[in-house]
């Protein structure tokens, strides 16, 4: 097991490479060779690799006891996979069908696919879509962070104090923050950064619409 602790970055990168290969093989066997049932194996493999990544992160954390850069990267990748990654996979699947269809000289896209592709080029639709998703994310973010903070504070006034004075962010540890432990502190901070980036990106479609 010392091998994992020593080479955890290499193991993680290897898992990511195999994950990408699994998705490509899924498209190859499903759309090029028309092996629908067999292609499911690669999706199952992809999901299994995500679970292995999670276990890898937990293993490293339990043996080091700290929120390292490695653990933060793991959490970011897993959070992406189970949120934005789903929509990105759908787009990748549509792209694979379009590309393979051209190579085979067959039509693999449906009328619904073409409607979606056309709709996704509409600036007004995109702006509305991202406004809605950003507000949903805002609601989930507030609820989730409130739960985390309630676990690390004793009253609403204490939570309010941390909200009004953000100097604890510069300190960089759970002991001086509203979070109960290092793990939730790491998750909360990463989520906060991801939320800010996502919120700005989402509203850019409204404030700076494409023509």
Protein backbone atom coordinates (compact mmCIF):
# COMPACT_ATOMS: atom_id res chain seq x y z
CA UNK A 1 0.00 0.00 0.00
CA UNK A 2 3.03 2.29 0.39
CA UNK A 3 3.20 2.14 -3.40
CA UNK A 4 -0.13 3.99 -3.62
CA UNK A 5 0.99 6.70 -1.21
CA UNK A 6 4.26 7.15 -3.09
CA UNK A 7 2.83 7.11 -6.61
CA UNK A 8 -0.74 8.35 -6.02
CA UNK A 9 -0.39 11.09 -8.67
CA UNK A 10 0.75 8.56 -11.27
CA UNK A 11 -2.10 6.22 -10.33
CA UNK A 12 -4.61 9.07 -10.65
CA UNK A 13 -3.29 10.10 -14.08
CA UNK A 14 -3.40 6.48 -15.25
CA UNK A 15 -7.02 6.20 -14.12
CA UNK A 16 -7.92 9.40 -15.99
CA UNK A 17 -6.26 8.14 -19.18
CA UNK A 18 -8.10 4.83 -18.99
CA UNK A 19 -11.36 6.73 -18.31
CA UNK A 20 -10.97 8.77 -21.51
CA UNK A 21 -10.12 5.61 -23.47
CA UNK A 22 -13.24 3.93 -22.05
CA UNK A 23 -15.46 6.74 -23.35
CA UNK A 24 -13.84 6.64 -26.79
CA UNK A 25 -14.19 2.85 -26.96
CA UNK A 26 -17.83 3.23 -25.98
CA UNK A 27 -18.45 5.43 -29.00
CA UNK A 28 -16.34 3.25 -31.28
CA UNK A 29 -18.12 -0.01 -30.49
CA UNK A 30 -21.58 1.52 -30.19
CA UNK A 31 -21.61 3.63 -33.33
CA UNK A 32 -18.87 2.29 -35.60
CA UNK A 33 -19.28 -1.45 -34.99
CA UNK A 34 -22.98 -1.26 -33.90
CA UNK A 35 -22.26 -3.30 -30.75
CA UNK A 36 -24.74 -1.59 -28.46
CA UNK A 37 -24.76 -4.18 -25.66
CA UNK A 38 -21.00 -4.67 -25.68
CA UNK A 39 -20.41 -0.91 -25.56
CA UNK A 40 -22.19 -0.71 -22.18
CA UNK A 41 -19.15 -2.45 -20.68
CA UNK A 42 -17.09 0.68 -21.26
CA UNK A 43 -19.64 2.96 -19.57
CA UNK A 44 -19.67 0.62 -16.58
CA UNK A 45 -15.87 0.70 -16.62
CA UNK A 46 -15.92 4.50 -16.65
CA UNK A 47 -18.22 4.64 -13.61
CA UNK A 48 -16.09 2.02 -11.82
CA UNK A 49 -12.99 4.14 -12.45
CA UNK A 50 -14.72 7.15 -10.86
CA UNK A 51 -15.39 5.07 -7.76
CA UNK A 52 -11.75 3.94 -7.72
CA UNK A 53 -10.68 7.60 -7.86
CA UNK A 54 -12.90 8.36 -4.87
CA UNK A 55 -11.45 5.41 -2.94
CA UNK A 56 -7.94 6.54 -3.88
CA UNK A 57 -8.61 9.99 -2.47
CA UNK A 58 -10.07 8.55 0.74
CA UNK A 59 -7.12 6.19 1.13
CA UNK A 60 -4.59 9.00 0.80
CA UNK A 61 -6.58 11.21 3.19
CA UNK A 62 -6.91 8.54 5.89
CA UNK A 63 -3.16 7.86 5.78
CA UNK A 64 -2.00 11.49 5.64
CA UNK A 65 -4.80 13.19 7.56
CA UNK A 66 -4.59 16.38 5.51
CA UNK A 67 -6.43 18.11 2.68
CA UNK A 68 -3.60 18.06 0.14
CA UNK A 69 -3.51 19.42 -3.39
CA UNK A 70 -4.00 15.86 -4.59
CA UNK A 71 -7.20 15.45 -2.60
CA UNK A 72 -8.52 18.80 -3.84
CA UNK A 73 -7.88 17.73 -7.45
CA UNK A 74 -9.71 14.44 -6.81
CA UNK A 75 -12.73 16.26 -5.37
CA UNK A 76 -12.82 18.72 -8.26
CA UNK A 77 -12.72 15.92 -10.84
CA UNK A 78 -15.44 13.94 -9.07
CA UNK A 79 -17.64 17.01 -8.61
CA UNK A 80 -17.27 17.81 -12.32
CA UNK A 81 -18.03 14.21 -13.36
CA UNK A 82 -21.31 14.13 -11.45
CA UNK A 83 -22.45 17.65 -12.44
CA UNK A 84 -21.24 19.38 -15.59
CA UNK A 85 -19.63 16.18 -16.82
CA UNK A 86 -23.01 14.60 -17.50
CA UNK A 87 -24.02 17.34 -19.93
CA UNK A 88 -20.56 17.28 -21.51
CA UNK A 89 -20.82 13.52 -22.02
CA UNK A 90 -24.16 13.98 -23.79
CA UNK A 91 -22.51 16.51 -26.11
CA UNK A 92 -19.57 14.16 -26.65
CA UNK A 93 -21.96 11.33 -27.47
CA UNK A 94 -23.75 13.51 -30.02
CA UNK A 95 -20.41 14.55 -31.54
CA UNK A 96 -19.31 10.90 -31.82
CA UNK A 97 -22.54 9.97 -33.58
CA UNK A 98 -22.13 12.88 -35.99
CA UNK A 99 -18.47 12.06 -36.72
CA UNK A 100 -18.87 8.28 -37.01
CA UNK A 101 -22.03 8.74 -39.06
CA UNK A 102 -20.10 10.77 -41.63
CA UNK A 103 -17.33 8.16 -41.77
CA UNK A 104 -19.80 5.32 -42.27
CA UNK A 105 -22.05 7.27 -44.60
CA UNK A 106 -25.09 6.71 -42.34
CA UNK A 107 -27.31 9.00 -40.33
CA UNK A 108 -26.89 8.43 -36.59
CA UNK A 109 -28.38 11.71 -35.42
CA UNK A 110 -32.10 12.07 -34.86
CA UNK A 111 -34.33 15.05 -35.62
CA UNK A 112 -34.30 15.79 -31.91
CA UNK A 113 -30.49 15.97 -32.00
CA UNK A 114 -30.58 18.50 -34.82
CA UNK A 115 -33.17 20.58 -32.95
CA UNK A 116 -30.99 20.58 -29.85
CA UNK A 117 -27.88 21.49 -31.84
CA UNK A 118 -29.72 24.38 -33.48
CA UNK A 119 -31.19 25.51 -30.16
CA UNK A 120 -27.76 25.48 -28.49
CA UNK A 121 -26.58 28.05 -31.02
CA UNK A 122 -29.34 30.48 -29.98
CA UNK A 123 -27.83 33.19 -27.70
CA UNK A 124 -31.19 33.94 -26.02
CA UNK A 125 -31.76 30.28 -25.20
CA UNK A 126 -28.24 29.90 -23.82
CA UNK A 127 -28.58 33.03 -21.68
CA UNK A 128 -31.89 31.82 -20.21
CA UNK A 129 -30.54 28.31 -19.68
CA UNK A 130 -27.46 29.49 -17.79
CA UNK A 131 -29.46 31.98 -15.71
CA UNK A 132 -31.70 29.16 -14.51
CA UNK A 133 -28.86 26.73 -13.80
CA UNK A 134 -26.86 29.42 -11.98
CA UNK A 135 -29.80 30.25 -9.71
CA UNK A 136 -30.36 26.56 -8.98
CA UNK A 137 -26.67 26.25 -8.15
CA UNK A 138 -26.97 29.33 -5.93
CA UNK A 139 -29.83 27.75 -3.96
CA UNK A 140 -27.99 24.45 -3.52
CA UNK A 141 -24.81 26.31 -2.59
CA UNK A 142 -26.53 28.34 0.14
CA UNK A 143 -28.25 25.28 1.61
CA UNK A 144 -25.11 23.14 1.49
CA UNK A 145 -22.81 25.79 2.97
CA UNK A 146 -25.38 26.57 5.67
CA UNK A 147 -25.36 22.92 6.71
CA UNK A 148 -21.54 22.87 6.81
CA UNK A 149 -21.39 26.08 8.82
CA UNK A 150 -24.07 24.95 11.27
CA UNK A 151 -21.89 21.92 12.05
CA UNK A 152 -18.92 24.14 12.91
CA UNK A 153 -20.64 26.98 14.78
CA UNK A 154 -22.92 27.26 17.80
CA UNK A 155 -25.38 29.93 16.72
CA UNK A 156 -26.71 31.98 13.84
CA UNK A 157 -24.94 35.05 15.21
CA UNK A 158 -21.61 33.22 15.05
CA UNK A 159 -22.31 32.22 11.44
CA UNK A 160 -23.22 35.83 10.67
CA UNK A 161 -19.95 36.98 12.20
CA UNK A 162 -17.95 34.72 9.88
CA UNK A 163 -20.00 35.96 6.93
CA UNK A 164 -19.37 39.62 7.75
CA UNK A 165 -15.67 39.10 8.47
CA UNK A 166 -13.98 36.93 5.87
CA UNK A 167 -10.47 37.26 7.29
CA UNK A 168 -10.62 33.54 8.18
CA UNK A 169 -10.31 32.78 4.48
CA UNK A 170 -6.79 34.21 4.46
CA UNK A 171 -5.78 32.07 7.46
CA UNK A 172 -6.41 28.92 5.46
CA UNK A 173 -7.36 26.32 8.07
CA UNK A 174 -10.52 24.83 9.53
CA UNK A 175 -9.71 25.84 13.11
CA UNK A 176 -10.29 29.54 12.38
CA UNK A 177 -13.22 28.96 10.02
CA UNK A 178 -16.93 28.16 10.39
CA UNK A 179 -16.29 24.61 9.16
CA UNK A 180 -16.11 21.71 11.66
CA UNK A 181 -13.08 19.92 10.19
CA UNK A 182 -10.41 20.03 7.49
CA UNK A 183 -12.34 17.84 5.05
CA UNK A 184 -15.49 19.99 5.05
CA UNK A 185 -13.30 23.09 5.00
CA UNK A 186 -11.58 21.82 1.85
CA UNK A 187 -14.88 20.87 0.24
CA UNK A 188 -16.47 24.19 1.19
CA UNK A 189 -13.61 26.31 -0.16
CA UNK A 190 -13.35 24.35 -3.42
CA UNK A 191 -17.11 24.55 -3.86
CA UNK A 192 -17.01 28.29 -3.20
CA UNK A 193 -14.37 28.86 -5.87
CA UNK A 194 -16.22 26.64 -8.35
CA UNK A 195 -19.49 28.45 -7.58
CA UNK A 196 -17.99 31.90 -8.19
CA UNK A 197 -16.42 30.83 -11.50
CA UNK A 198 -19.62 29.08 -12.62
CA UNK A 199 -21.83 32.02 -11.63
CA UNK A 200 -19.69 34.55 -13.50
CA UNK A 201 -19.46 32.28 -16.54
CA UNK A 202 -23.22 31.63 -16.57
CA UNK A 203 -24.21 35.29 -16.35
CA UNK A 204 -21.68 36.28 -19.01
CA UNK A 205 -24.17 34.89 -21.55
CA UNK A 206 -26.71 37.44 -20.32
CA UNK A 207 -24.40 40.41 -19.79
CA UNK A 208 -22.30 39.81 -22.91
CA UNK A 209 -24.56 37.90 -25.33
CA UNK A 210 -23.08 36.50 -28.50
CA UNK A 211 -24.44 37.96 -31.71
